[in-house]
Amino acid sequence: MELQQRSLTSRNLLVPIGSVVLALLVGSIFILVVGENPLYAYRVLLVESFGSINNIAGTLQRSTPLIFTGLGVAFAFRCGLFNIGAEGQLYVGGMVAAIIGVSFGNLPGLIHLPIAVFAGMLAGGLWAAIPGILKAKLGVHEVINTIMMNFVAYYLTDFLVTGPFHGGRWAPETDRVFPTAVLERILPPSRLNTGIFLAIVALVVVYIVLWKTKTGYEIRAVGLNPSAAEYGGISVARNMVLAMVISGAVASLAGVEQVLGVHGRFIQRFSPDLGFIGIAVALLGKNHPVGVFFAAVLFGALRTGGAAMDRLTDVPRELVVIIQAMIIMFVAADELIRRLVPRRRKA
């Protein structure tokens, strides 16, 4: 039987949209508790996120790494794997990209930058391959593996950035990468960089791989029913490892973009939980590249607007964390949303 593509139908779209609306309504209660007007607070959030070219650029900059981590997590989900290790993968990818970036300064940009990007991807992919192999060959659950690999990545990069690749200043960071390895800024003074174009390319490539290739068909088949896939001649173990490698490579681009495009160096513990937020992005986006893009923009807007609400109102920026948590909860309980959406009667 031909595997049906799970497209983003109008009814499927109502679940994440309803989850966001309900989360905002719950957030309104907390805003009222602190004595602010929810309509004014959300207006500040909206205007500060999308009210000008610079604000839009800031939102897109905060969305870019979430596109990568959301895509990486979503790719693994499609194979039935729960990759909790995007945070560690982006640290490893960012560190390797920084090492390449501070080396080989005599290379032209057309060579140096691609090498740094692909080296970071390779490092993230190989890092994710370890829990993939343990899952495929030994049956060790990938959730445990990837969580533990996060801690290994933290302390490994801590050692590298404070030891062999320390930049020589008081801060735990590497030297600045050479200009030939920098993702150029777009619309300064914002920190939006050409990594956004890399994110769009990643979206397209992931979509093509998953829905237009034999490899993607096999990966989705394993995710839907590994026993049936094995019976049909598909190697479950091989596709699990491959899915984790691709997932880690894509997620690592978040670290590459932050190092080469935002900070210009590797900074110890630079990620504000980008890998973990990527899990929420994947869930809200229904593990579809298009959905991941819009979910990432939403979370990017929440991060941008949340800082503005904290500055311009009495609403603390921690409210954004509450709204994010509510979105995840309502998406996880999507049956509640589906019950609120009336079904069309069949003709």
C-alpha atoms as a PDB file:
ATOM      1  CA  MET A   1       0.000   0.000   0.000  1.00  0.00           C
ATOM      2  CA  GLU A   2       1.287   3.412  -0.923  1.00  0.00           C
ATOM      3  CA  LEU A   3       2.358   5.520   2.046  1.00  0.00           C
ATOM      4  CA  GLN A   4       0.038   8.525   2.365  1.00  0.00           C
ATOM      5  CA  GLN A   5       1.629  11.940   2.787  1.00  0.00           C
ATOM      6  CA  ARG A   6       0.460  13.600   5.993  1.00  0.00           C
ATOM      7  CA  SER A   7      -0.113  17.062   4.577  1.00  0.00           C
ATOM      8  CA  LEU A   8      -0.992  20.168   6.542  1.00  0.00           C
ATOM      9  CA  THR A   9      -4.751  20.071   5.972  1.00  0.00           C
ATOM     10  CA  SER A  10      -7.010  22.832   7.182  1.00  0.00           C
ATOM     11  CA  ARG A  11      -8.124  20.714  10.140  1.00  0.00           C
ATOM     12  CA  ASN A  12      -4.547  19.843  11.095  1.00  0.00           C
ATOM     13  CA  LEU A  13      -3.686  23.534  11.015  1.00  0.00           C
ATOM     14  CA  LEU A  14      -6.475  24.350  13.468  1.00  0.00           C
ATOM     15  CA  VAL A  15      -4.820  22.277  16.201  1.00  0.00           C
ATOM     16  CA  PRO A  16      -1.595  24.336  16.522  1.00  0.00           C
ATOM     17  CA  ILE A  17      -3.493  27.582  15.902  1.00  0.00           C
ATOM     18  CA  GLY A  18      -5.994  26.675  18.614  1.00  0.00           C
ATOM     19  CA  SER A  19      -3.127  25.760  20.934  1.00  0.00           C
ATOM     20  CA  VAL A  20      -1.524  29.175  20.443  1.00  0.00           C
ATOM     21  CA  VAL A  21      -4.834  30.979  21.032  1.00  0.00           C
ATOM     22  CA  LEU A  22      -5.515  29.041  24.224  1.00  0.00           C
ATOM     23  CA  ALA A  23      -1.950  29.672  25.434  1.00  0.00           C
ATOM     24  CA  LEU A  24      -2.382  33.408  24.866  1.00  0.00           C
ATOM     25  CA  LEU A  25      -5.672  33.344  26.761  1.00  0.00           C
ATOM     26  CA  VAL A  26      -3.974  31.636  29.709  1.00  0.00           C
ATOM     27  CA  GLY A  27      -1.187  34.219  29.450  1.00  0.00           C
ATOM     28  CA  SER A  28      -3.831  36.942  29.690  1.00  0.00           C
ATOM     29  CA  ILE A  29      -4.754  35.695  33.144  1.00  0.00           C
ATOM     30  CA  PHE A  30      -1.176  36.137  34.359  1.00  0.00           C
ATOM     31  CA  ILE A  31      -1.028  39.597  32.769  1.00  0.00           C
ATOM     32  CA  LEU A  32      -4.185  40.594  34.654  1.00  0.00           C
ATOM     33  CA  VAL A  33      -2.664  39.271  37.874  1.00  0.00           C
ATOM     34  CA  VAL A  34       0.295  41.674  37.564  1.00  0.00           C
ATOM     35  CA  GLY A  35      -2.140  44.541  36.899  1.00  0.00           C
ATOM     36  CA  GLU A  36      -1.598  45.097  33.183  1.00  0.00           C
ATOM     37  CA  ASN A  37      -4.009  45.179  30.261  1.00  0.00           C
ATOM     38  CA  PRO A  38      -3.566  41.990  28.180  1.00  0.00           C
ATOM     39  CA  LEU A  39      -4.557  43.763  24.968  1.00  0.00           C
ATOM     40  CA  TYR A  40      -1.925  46.442  25.520  1.00  0.00           C
ATOM     41  CA  ALA A  41       0.738  43.909  26.521  1.00  0.00           C
ATOM     42  CA  TYR A  42       0.099  41.779  23.439  1.00  0.00           C
ATOM     43  CA  ARG A  43       0.047  44.895  21.267  1.00  0.00           C
ATOM     44  CA  VAL A  44       3.523  45.739  22.562  1.00  0.00           C
ATOM     45  CA  LEU A  45       4.631  42.194  21.817  1.00  0.00           C
ATOM     46  CA  LEU A  46       3.249  42.341  18.280  1.00  0.00           C
ATOM     47  CA  VAL A  47       4.590  45.794  17.437  1.00  0.00           C
ATOM     48  CA  GLU A  48       8.037  45.105  18.859  1.00  0.00           C
ATOM     49  CA  SER A  49       8.213  41.853  16.900  1.00  0.00           C
ATOM     50  CA  PHE A  50       6.798  42.953  13.527  1.00  0.00           C
ATOM     51  CA  GLY A  51       6.192  46.710  13.710  1.00  0.00           C
ATOM     52  CA  SER A  52       9.219  47.798  11.647  1.00  0.00           C
ATOM     53  CA  ILE A  53      11.871  46.418   9.327  1.00  0.00           C
ATOM     54  CA  ASN A  54      14.388  46.315  12.164  1.00  0.00           C
ATOM     55  CA  ASN A  55      11.915  44.557  14.447  1.00  0.00           C
ATOM     56  CA  ILE A  56      11.123  41.982  11.757  1.00  0.00           C
ATOM     57  CA  ALA A  57      14.853  41.464  11.227  1.00  0.00           C
ATOM     58  CA  GLY A  58      15.312  40.891  14.954  1.00  0.00           C
ATOM     59  CA  THR A  59      12.473  38.380  15.030  1.00  0.00           C
ATOM     60  CA  LEU A  60      13.874  36.503  12.024  1.00  0.00           C
ATOM     61  CA  GLN A  61      17.321  36.454  13.635  1.00  0.00           C
ATOM     62  CA  ARG A  62      15.913  34.830  16.747  1.00  0.00           C
ATOM     63  CA  SER A  63      13.867  32.458  14.589  1.00  0.00           C
ATOM     64  CA  THR A  64      16.784  31.241  12.452  1.00  0.00           C
ATOM     65  CA  PRO A  65      18.421  28.859  14.970  1.00  0.00           C
ATOM     66  CA  LEU A  66      14.972  27.584  15.963  1.00  0.00           C
ATOM     67  CA  ILE A  67      14.301  26.648  12.343  1.00  0.00           C
ATOM     68  CA  PHE A  68      17.421  24.486  12.386  1.00  0.00           C
ATOM     69  CA  THR A  69      16.739  22.801  15.728  1.00  0.00           C
ATOM     70  CA  GLY A  70      13.037  22.396  14.935  1.00  0.00           C
ATOM     71  CA  LEU A  71      13.860  20.806  11.585  1.00  0.00           C
ATOM     72  CA  GLY A  72      16.401  18.484  13.166  1.00  0.00           C
ATOM     73  CA  VAL A  73      13.988  17.294  15.841  1.00  0.00           C
ATOM     74  CA  ALA A  74      11.158  16.964  13.299  1.00  0.00           C
ATOM     75  CA  PHE A  75      13.310  14.834  10.975  1.00  0.00           C
ATOM     76  CA  ALA A  76      14.030  12.370  13.770  1.00  0.00           C
ATOM     77  CA  PHE A  77      10.353  12.366  14.766  1.00  0.00           C
ATOM     78  CA  ARG A  78       9.456  11.278  11.233  1.00  0.00           C
ATOM     79  CA  CYS A  79      11.504   8.131  11.831  1.00  0.00           C
ATOM     80  CA  GLY A  80       9.842   7.553  15.191  1.00  0.00           C
ATOM     81  CA  LEU A  81      12.849   8.860  17.132  1.00  0.00           C
ATOM     82  CA  PHE A  82      12.781  11.474  19.884  1.00  0.00           C
ATOM     83  CA  ASN A  83      15.971  13.494  19.512  1.00  0.00           C
ATOM     84  CA  ILE A  84      16.437  15.407  22.775  1.00  0.00           C
ATOM     85  CA  GLY A  85      20.070  16.033  21.885  1.00  0.00           C
ATOM     86  CA  ALA A  86      19.761  19.026  19.550  1.00  0.00           C
ATOM     87  CA  GLU A  87      21.262  21.241  22.249  1.00  0.00           C
ATOM     88  CA  GLY A  88      24.425  19.155  22.447  1.00  0.00           C
ATOM     89  CA  GLN A  89      24.586  18.778  18.671  1.00  0.00           C
ATOM     90  CA  LEU A  90      24.480  22.534  18.112  1.00  0.00           C
ATOM     91  CA  TYR A  91      27.266  23.038  20.666  1.00  0.00           C
ATOM     92  CA  VAL A  92      29.491  20.471  18.970  1.00  0.00           C
ATOM     93  CA  GLY A  93      28.712  21.869  15.516  1.00  0.00           C
ATOM     94  CA  GLY A  94      29.332  25.421  16.684  1.00  0.00           C
ATOM     95  CA  MET A  95      32.655  24.500  18.290  1.00  0.00           C
ATOM     96  CA  VAL A  96      33.952  22.728  15.180  1.00  0.00           C
ATOM     97  CA  ALA A  97      32.809  25.635  13.002  1.00  0.00           C
ATOM     98  CA  ALA A  98      34.666  28.023  15.321  1.00  0.00           C
ATOM     99  CA  ILE A  99      37.837  25.928  15.193  1.00  0.00           C
ATOM    100  CA  ILE A 100      37.752  26.007  11.395  1.00  0.00           C
ATOM    101  CA  GLY A 101      36.832  29.689  11.492  1.00  0.00           C
ATOM    102  CA  VAL A 102      39.850  30.715  13.580  1.00  0.00           C
ATOM    103  CA  SER A 103      42.143  28.610  11.392  1.00  0.00           C
ATOM    104  CA  PHE A 104      43.071  28.727   7.722  1.00  0.00           C
ATOM    105  CA  GLY A 105      42.864  32.513   7.484  1.00  0.00           C
ATOM    106  CA  ASN A 106      44.647  32.415   4.152  1.00  0.00           C
ATOM    107  CA  LEU A 107      41.710  30.678   2.453  1.00  0.00           C
ATOM    108  CA  PRO A 108      39.289  32.732   0.338  1.00  0.00           C
ATOM    109  CA  GLY A 109      35.763  33.166   1.677  1.00  0.00           C
ATOM    110  CA  LEU A 110      34.238  31.015  -1.054  1.00  0.00           C
ATOM    111  CA  ILE A 111      36.188  28.080   0.361  1.00  0.00           C
ATOM    112  CA  HIS A 112      36.645  28.930   4.047  1.00  0.00           C
ATOM    113  CA  LEU A 113      32.986  29.586   4.905  1.00  0.00           C
ATOM    114  CA  PRO A 114      31.579  26.431   3.239  1.00  0.00           C
ATOM    115  CA  ILE A 115      34.261  24.308   4.914  1.00  0.00           C
ATOM    116  CA  ALA A 116      33.388  25.762   8.333  1.00  0.00           C
ATOM    117  CA  VAL A 117      29.648  25.203   7.767  1.00  0.00           C
ATOM    118  CA  PHE A 118      29.989  21.651   6.473  1.00  0.00           C
ATOM    119  CA  ALA A 119      32.513  20.742   9.169  1.00  0.00           C
ATOM    120  CA  GLY A 120      30.010  21.861  11.809  1.00  0.00           C
ATOM    121  CA  MET A 121      27.279  19.821  10.141  1.00  0.00           C
ATOM    122  CA  LEU A 122      29.524  16.775   9.953  1.00  0.00           C
ATOM    123  CA  ALA A 123      30.405  17.075  13.633  1.00  0.00           C
ATOM    124  CA  GLY A 124      26.750  17.371  14.649  1.00  0.00           C
ATOM    125  CA  GLY A 125      25.790  14.441  12.439  1.00  0.00           C
ATOM    126  CA  LEU A 126      28.497  12.198  13.851  1.00  0.00           C
ATOM    127  CA  TRP A 127      27.579  13.257  17.384  1.00  0.00           C
ATOM    128  CA  ALA A 128      23.960  12.241  16.772  1.00  0.00           C
ATOM    129  CA  ALA A 129      25.073   8.985  15.128  1.00  0.00           C
ATOM    130  CA  ILE A 130      26.260   7.664  18.507  1.00  0.00           C
ATOM    131  CA  PRO A 131      22.780   7.471  20.115  1.00  0.00           C
ATOM    132  CA  GLY A 132      21.405   6.399  16.720  1.00  0.00           C
ATOM    133  CA  ILE A 133      23.713   3.375  16.587  1.00  0.00           C
ATOM    134  CA  LEU A 134      23.040   2.508  20.234  1.00  0.00           C
ATOM    135  CA  LYS A 135      19.291   2.621  19.500  1.00  0.00           C
ATOM    136  CA  ALA A 136      19.479   0.642  16.258  1.00  0.00           C
ATOM    137  CA  LYS A 137      21.973  -2.015  17.331  1.00  0.00           C
ATOM    138  CA  LEU A 138      21.440  -2.396  21.076  1.00  0.00           C
ATOM    139  CA  GLY A 139      17.927  -1.056  21.596  1.00  0.00           C
ATOM    140  CA  VAL A 140      19.080   1.607  24.074  1.00  0.00           C
ATOM    141  CA  HIS A 141      16.397   4.289  24.189  1.00  0.00           C
ATOM    142  CA  GLU A 142      17.394   7.409  22.263  1.00  0.00           C
ATOM    143  CA  VAL A 143      15.854   9.773  24.830  1.00  0.00           C
ATOM    144  CA  ILE A 144      18.314   8.627  27.500  1.00  0.00           C
ATOM    145  CA  ASN A 145      21.211   8.597  25.040  1.00  0.00           C
ATOM    146  CA  THR A 146      20.613  12.046  23.626  1.00  0.00           C
ATOM    147  CA  ILE A 147      20.050  13.631  27.045  1.00  0.00           C
ATOM    148  CA  MET A 148      23.343  12.219  28.311  1.00  0.00           C
ATOM    149  CA  MET A 149      25.126  13.258  25.112  1.00  0.00           C
ATOM    150  CA  ASN A 150      24.029  16.830  25.829  1.00  0.00           C
ATOM    151  CA  PHE A 151      26.033  16.857  29.046  1.00  0.00           C
ATOM    152  CA  VAL A 152      29.045  15.334  27.333  1.00  0.00           C
ATOM    153  CA  ALA A 153      28.827  18.096  24.706  1.00  0.00           C
ATOM    154  CA  TYR A 154      28.567  20.800  27.387  1.00  0.00           C
ATOM    155  CA  TYR A 155      31.684  19.709  29.231  1.00  0.00           C
ATOM    156  CA  LEU A 156      33.664  18.834  26.112  1.00  0.00           C
ATOM    157  CA  THR A 157      33.114  22.296  24.639  1.00  0.00           C
ATOM    158  CA  ASP A 158      33.757  23.852  28.069  1.00  0.00           C
ATOM    159  CA  PHE A 159      37.158  22.150  28.082  1.00  0.00           C
ATOM    160  CA  LEU A 160      37.978  23.197  24.528  1.00  0.00           C
ATOM    161  CA  VAL A 161      36.930  26.834  24.911  1.00  0.00           C
ATOM    162  CA  THR A 162      38.761  27.293  28.225  1.00  0.00           C
ATOM    163  CA  GLY A 163      41.764  25.209  27.197  1.00  0.00           C
ATOM    164  CA  PRO A 164      43.222  24.489  23.744  1.00  0.00           C
ATOM    165  CA  PHE A 165      41.079  27.032  21.883  1.00  0.00           C
ATOM    166  CA  HIS A 166      40.747  29.761  24.499  1.00  0.00           C
ATOM    167  CA  GLY A 167      41.068  33.169  22.909  1.00  0.00           C
ATOM    168  CA  GLY A 168      43.438  34.545  25.541  1.00  0.00           C
ATOM    169  CA  ARG A 169      41.019  37.022  27.135  1.00  0.00           C
ATOM    170  CA  TRP A 170      39.364  36.701  30.519  1.00  0.00           C
ATOM    171  CA  ALA A 171      36.089  35.469  28.981  1.00  0.00           C
ATOM    172  CA  PRO A 172      35.643  31.753  28.156  1.00  0.00           C
ATOM    173  CA  GLU A 173      35.506  32.184  24.380  1.00  0.00           C
ATOM    174  CA  THR A 174      37.601  31.511  21.294  1.00  0.00           C
ATOM    175  CA  ASP A 175      39.286  34.102  19.137  1.00  0.00           C
ATOM    176  CA  ARG A 176      37.108  35.823  16.562  1.00  0.00           C
ATOM    177  CA  VAL A 177      36.716  33.822  13.387  1.00  0.00           C
ATOM    178  CA  PHE A 178      38.395  35.202  10.280  1.00  0.00           C
ATOM    179  CA  PRO A 179      36.218  37.470   8.103  1.00  0.00           C
ATOM    180  CA  THR A 180      36.374  34.812   5.384  1.00  0.00           C
ATOM    181  CA  ALA A 181      34.331  32.471   7.635  1.00  0.00           C
ATOM    182  CA  VAL A 182      31.655  34.961   8.695  1.00  0.00           C
ATOM    183  CA  LEU A 183      27.969  34.775   7.781  1.00  0.00           C
ATOM    184  CA  GLU A 184      27.432  38.377   6.686  1.00  0.00           C
ATOM    185  CA  ARG A 185      24.934  40.604   8.473  1.00  0.00           C
ATOM    186  CA  ILE A 186      21.717  41.692   6.763  1.00  0.00           C
ATOM    187  CA  LEU A 187      19.912  44.905   7.684  1.00  0.00           C
ATOM    188  CA  PRO A 188      22.309  46.165  10.378  1.00  0.00           C
ATOM    189  CA  PRO A 189      22.175  47.116  13.202  1.00  0.00           C
ATOM    190  CA  SER A 190      20.154  43.899  13.590  1.00  0.00           C
ATOM    191  CA  ARG A 191      22.093  40.659  13.927  1.00  0.00           C
ATOM    192  CA  LEU A 192      20.135  38.990  11.150  1.00  0.00           C
ATOM    193  CA  ASN A 193      22.641  37.294   8.879  1.00  0.00           C
ATOM    194  CA  THR A 194      22.822  35.139   5.777  1.00  0.00           C
ATOM    195  CA  GLY A 195      22.124  32.136   7.966  1.00  0.00           C
ATOM    196  CA  ILE A 196      18.437  32.840   7.310  1.00  0.00           C
ATOM    197  CA  PHE A 197      18.985  31.860   3.672  1.00  0.00           C
ATOM    198  CA  LEU A 198      20.741  28.710   4.826  1.00  0.00           C
ATOM    199  CA  ALA A 199      17.676  27.964   6.969  1.00  0.00           C
ATOM    200  CA  ILE A 200      15.349  28.353   3.966  1.00  0.00           C
ATOM    201  CA  VAL A 201      17.567  26.011   1.955  1.00  0.00           C
ATOM    202  CA  ALA A 202      17.475  23.505   4.823  1.00  0.00           C
ATOM    203  CA  LEU A 203      13.664  23.677   4.881  1.00  0.00           C
ATOM    204  CA  VAL A 204      13.452  22.922   1.173  1.00  0.00           C
ATOM    205  CA  VAL A 205      16.045  20.145   1.303  1.00  0.00           C
ATOM    206  CA  VAL A 206      14.371  18.424   4.267  1.00  0.00           C
ATOM    207  CA  TYR A 207      11.006  18.559   2.496  1.00  0.00           C
ATOM    208  CA  ILE A 208      12.463  17.089  -0.702  1.00  0.00           C
ATOM    209  CA  VAL A 209      14.333  14.355   1.163  1.00  0.00           C
ATOM    210  CA  LEU A 210      11.317  13.317   3.220  1.00  0.00           C
ATOM    211  CA  TRP A 211       8.625  13.421   0.550  1.00  0.00           C
ATOM    212  CA  LYS A 212      10.346  13.198  -2.814  1.00  0.00           C
ATOM    213  CA  THR A 213      13.020  10.526  -2.339  1.00  0.00           C
ATOM    214  CA  LYS A 214      13.143   6.814  -1.655  1.00  0.00           C
ATOM    215  CA  THR A 215      15.225   7.471   1.456  1.00  0.00           C
ATOM    216  CA  GLY A 216      12.547   9.761   2.859  1.00  0.00           C
ATOM    217  CA  TYR A 217       9.843   7.202   2.090  1.00  0.00           C
ATOM    218  CA  GLU A 218      11.758   4.543   4.003  1.00  0.00           C
ATOM    219  CA  ILE A 219      12.407   6.849   6.952  1.00  0.00           C
ATOM    220  CA  ARG A 220       8.720   7.757   7.213  1.00  0.00           C
ATOM    221  CA  ALA A 221       7.723   4.116   6.821  1.00  0.00           C
ATOM    222  CA  VAL A 222       9.966   3.156   9.739  1.00  0.00           C
ATOM    223  CA  GLY A 223       8.445   5.960  11.788  1.00  0.00           C
ATOM    224  CA  LEU A 224       4.879   4.841  11.079  1.00  0.00           C
ATOM    225  CA  ASN A 225       5.384   1.097  11.585  1.00  0.00           C
ATOM    226  CA  PRO A 226       8.881  -0.361  11.930  1.00  0.00           C
ATOM    227  CA  SER A 227       7.628  -3.952  11.890  1.00  0.00           C
ATOM    228  CA  ALA A 228       5.731  -3.469   8.633  1.00  0.00           C
ATOM    229  CA  ALA A 229       8.699  -1.584   7.148  1.00  0.00           C
ATOM    230  CA  GLU A 230      11.048  -4.448   8.054  1.00  0.00           C
ATOM    231  CA  TYR A 231       8.613  -6.938   6.556  1.00  0.00           C
ATOM    232  CA  GLY A 232       8.574  -4.874   3.366  1.00  0.00           C
ATOM    233  CA  GLY A 233      12.351  -5.112   3.022  1.00  0.00           C
ATOM    234  CA  ILE A 234      13.306  -1.782   4.592  1.00  0.00           C
ATOM    235  CA  SER A 235      16.260  -1.812   6.979  1.00  0.00           C
ATOM    236  CA  VAL A 236      14.963  -0.311  10.204  1.00  0.00           C
ATOM    237  CA  ALA A 237      18.399  -0.090  11.827  1.00  0.00           C
ATOM    238  CA  ARG A 238      20.029   1.627   8.852  1.00  0.00           C
ATOM    239  CA  ASN A 239      17.252   4.197   8.549  1.00  0.00           C
ATOM    240  CA  MET A 240      17.276   4.943  12.281  1.00  0.00           C
ATOM    241  CA  VAL A 241      20.989   5.706  12.183  1.00  0.00           C
ATOM    242  CA  LEU A 242      20.615   7.725   8.979  1.00  0.00           C
ATOM    243  CA  ALA A 243      17.714   9.728  10.414  1.00  0.00           C
ATOM    244  CA  MET A 244      19.708  10.580  13.543  1.00  0.00           C
ATOM    245  CA  VAL A 245      22.741  11.613  11.488  1.00  0.00           C
ATOM    246  CA  ILE A 246      20.659  13.947   9.309  1.00  0.00           C
ATOM    247  CA  SER A 247      18.771  15.226  12.360  1.00  0.00           C
ATOM    248  CA  GLY A 248      22.026  16.052  14.168  1.00  0.00           C
ATOM    249  CA  ALA A 249      23.573  17.652  11.089  1.00  0.00           C
ATOM    250  CA  VAL A 250      20.590  19.970  10.620  1.00  0.00           C
ATOM    251  CA  ALA A 251      20.317  20.822  14.327  1.00  0.00           C
ATOM    252  CA  SER A 252      24.047  21.618  14.478  1.00  0.00           C
ATOM    253  CA  LEU A 253      23.500  24.417  11.964  1.00  0.00           C
ATOM    254  CA  ALA A 254      21.899  26.400  14.792  1.00  0.00           C
ATOM    255  CA  GLY A 255      25.265  26.469  16.552  1.00  0.00           C
ATOM    256  CA  VAL A 256      27.093  27.192  13.306  1.00  0.00           C
ATOM    257  CA  GLU A 257      24.804  30.166  12.614  1.00  0.00           C
ATOM    258  CA  GLN A 258      25.212  31.542  16.136  1.00  0.00           C
ATOM    259  CA  VAL A 259      29.001  31.225  16.053  1.00  0.00           C
ATOM    260  CA  LEU A 260      29.692  32.423  12.501  1.00  0.00           C
ATOM    261  CA  GLY A 261      26.819  34.860  12.110  1.00  0.00           C
ATOM    262  CA  VAL A 262      25.814  36.275  15.499  1.00  0.00           C
ATOM    263  CA  HIS A 263      28.744  36.138  17.943  1.00  0.00           C
ATOM    264  CA  GLY A 264      31.675  35.768  15.548  1.00  0.00           C
ATOM    265  CA  ARG A 265      33.265  33.337  18.014  1.00  0.00           C
ATOM    266  CA  PHE A 266      32.369  30.375  20.202  1.00  0.00           C
ATOM    267  CA  ILE A 267      31.235  31.539  23.644  1.00  0.00           C
ATOM    268  CA  GLN A 268      30.873  29.082  26.500  1.00  0.00           C
ATOM    269  CA  ARG A 269      27.215  28.087  27.005  1.00  0.00           C
ATOM    270  CA  PHE A 270      25.993  30.592  24.411  1.00  0.00           C
ATOM    271  CA  SER A 271      22.692  28.826  23.713  1.00  0.00           C
ATOM    272  CA  PRO A 272      19.550  29.986  25.545  1.00  0.00           C
ATOM    273  CA  ASP A 273      18.122  26.428  25.276  1.00  0.00           C
ATOM    274  CA  LEU A 274      17.771  26.641  21.498  1.00  0.00           C
ATOM    275  CA  GLY A 275      17.849  22.860  21.199  1.00  0.00           C
ATOM    276  CA  PHE A 276      15.087  22.315  23.731  1.00  0.00           C
ATOM    277  CA  ILE A 277      12.893  25.065  22.284  1.00  0.00           C
ATOM    278  CA  GLY A 278      13.372  23.313  18.941  1.00  0.00           C
ATOM    279  CA  ILE A 279      11.402  20.374  20.363  1.00  0.00           C
ATOM    280  CA  ALA A 280       8.449  22.695  20.953  1.00  0.00           C
ATOM    281  CA  VAL A 281       8.882  24.160  17.471  1.00  0.00           C
ATOM    282  CA  ALA A 282       8.752  20.685  15.920  1.00  0.00           C
ATOM    283  CA  LEU A 283       5.671  19.726  17.929  1.00  0.00           C
ATOM    284  CA  LEU A 284       3.822  22.931  17.097  1.00  0.00           C
ATOM    285  CA  GLY A 285       4.820  22.635  13.436  1.00  0.00           C
ATOM    286  CA  LYS A 286       3.510  19.053  13.287  1.00  0.00           C
ATOM    287  CA  ASN A 287       6.949  17.839  12.137  1.00  0.00           C
ATOM    288  CA  HIS A 288       6.429  19.445   8.721  1.00  0.00           C
ATOM    289  CA  PRO A 289       9.020  21.882   7.304  1.00  0.00           C
ATOM    290  CA  VAL A 290       6.412  24.540   6.547  1.00  0.00           C
ATOM    291  CA  GLY A 291       4.913  24.199  10.003  1.00  0.00           C
ATOM    292  CA  VAL A 292       8.380  24.332  11.566  1.00  0.00           C
ATOM    293  CA  PHE A 293       9.081  27.637   9.808  1.00  0.00           C
ATOM    294  CA  PHE A 294       5.944  29.351  11.129  1.00  0.00           C
ATOM    295  CA  ALA A 295       6.368  27.840  14.591  1.00  0.00           C
ATOM    296  CA  ALA A 296       9.971  29.090  14.712  1.00  0.00           C
ATOM    297  CA  VAL A 297       8.859  32.582  13.709  1.00  0.00           C
ATOM    298  CA  LEU A 298       6.211  32.506  16.438  1.00  0.00           C
ATOM    299  CA  PHE A 299       8.733  31.514  19.110  1.00  0.00           C
ATOM    300  CA  GLY A 300      11.193  34.060  17.732  1.00  0.00           C
ATOM    301  CA  ALA A 301       8.508  36.737  18.033  1.00  0.00           C
ATOM    302  CA  LEU A 302       7.754  35.662  21.598  1.00  0.00           C
ATOM    303  CA  ARG A 303      11.429  36.012  22.504  1.00  0.00           C
ATOM    304  CA  THR A 304      11.683  39.426  20.834  1.00  0.00           C
ATOM    305  CA  GLY A 305       8.377  40.772  22.108  1.00  0.00           C
ATOM    306  CA  GLY A 306       8.852  39.284  25.561  1.00  0.00           C
ATOM    307  CA  ALA A 307      11.940  41.406  26.123  1.00  0.00           C
ATOM    308  CA  ALA A 308       9.985  44.473  24.997  1.00  0.00           C
ATOM    309  CA  MET A 309       7.068  43.696  27.335  1.00  0.00           C
ATOM    310  CA  ASP A 310       9.503  43.394  30.214  1.00  0.00           C
ATOM    311  CA  ARG A 311      10.969  46.780  29.297  1.00  0.00           C
ATOM    312  CA  LEU A 312       7.796  48.733  28.465  1.00  0.00           C
ATOM    313  CA  THR A 313       5.234  47.176  30.815  1.00  0.00           C
ATOM    314  CA  ASP A 314       5.102  45.530  34.223  1.00  0.00           C
ATOM    315  CA  VAL A 315       4.795  42.120  32.588  1.00  0.00           C
ATOM    316  CA  PRO A 316       7.961  40.060  33.269  1.00  0.00           C
ATOM    317  CA  ARG A 317       9.647  38.344  30.358  1.00  0.00           C
ATOM    318  CA  GLU A 318       9.131  35.035  32.156  1.00  0.00           C
ATOM    319  CA  LEU A 319       5.562  35.251  30.851  1.00  0.00           C
ATOM    320  CA  VAL A 320       6.963  34.156  27.483  1.00  0.00           C
ATOM    321  CA  VAL A 321       8.210  30.959  29.105  1.00  0.00           C
ATOM    322  CA  ILE A 322       4.726  30.362  30.511  1.00  0.00           C
ATOM    323  CA  ILE A 323       3.135  30.899  27.089  1.00  0.00           C
ATOM    324  CA  GLN A 324       5.656  28.546  25.485  1.00  0.00           C
ATOM    325  CA  ALA A 325       4.880  25.920  28.111  1.00  0.00           C
ATOM    326  CA  MET A 326       1.130  26.358  27.540  1.00  0.00           C
ATOM    327  CA  ILE A 327       1.581  25.972  23.780  1.00  0.00           C
ATOM    328  CA  ILE A 328       3.492  22.728  24.287  1.00  0.00           C
ATOM    329  CA  MET A 329       0.878  21.445  26.718  1.00  0.00           C
ATOM    330  CA  PHE A 330      -2.037  22.207  24.409  1.00  0.00           C
ATOM    331  CA  VAL A 331      -0.248  20.755  21.380  1.00  0.00           C
ATOM    332  CA  ALA A 332       0.472  17.593  23.353  1.00  0.00           C
ATOM    333  CA  ALA A 333      -3.204  17.467  24.340  1.00  0.00           C
ATOM    334  CA  ASP A 334      -4.329  18.055  20.764  1.00  0.00           C
ATOM    335  CA  GLU A 335      -7.353  15.816  21.237  1.00  0.00           C
ATOM    336  CA  LEU A 336      -8.797  18.584  23.427  1.00  0.00           C
ATOM    337  CA  ILE A 337      -8.394  21.047  20.543  1.00  0.00           C
ATOM    338  CA  ARG A 338      -9.865  18.597  18.045  1.00  0.00           C
ATOM    339  CA  ARG A 339     -12.970  18.192  20.185  1.00  0.00           C
ATOM    340  CA  LEU A 340     -13.475  21.954  20.037  1.00  0.00           C
ATOM    341  CA  VAL A 341     -13.279  21.948  16.232  1.00  0.00           C
ATOM    342  CA  PRO A 342     -16.514  20.747  14.630  1.00  0.00           C
ATOM    343  CA  ARG A 343     -16.129  18.092  11.964  1.00  0.00           C
ATOM    344  CA  ARG A 344     -17.620  18.646   8.549  1.00  0.00           C
ATOM    345  CA  ARG A 345     -20.405  16.273   7.768  1.00  0.00           C
ATOM    346  CA  LYS A 346     -19.728  13.943   4.883  1.00  0.00           C
ATOM    347  CA  ALA A 347     -21.886  14.609   1.884  1.00  0.00           C
END
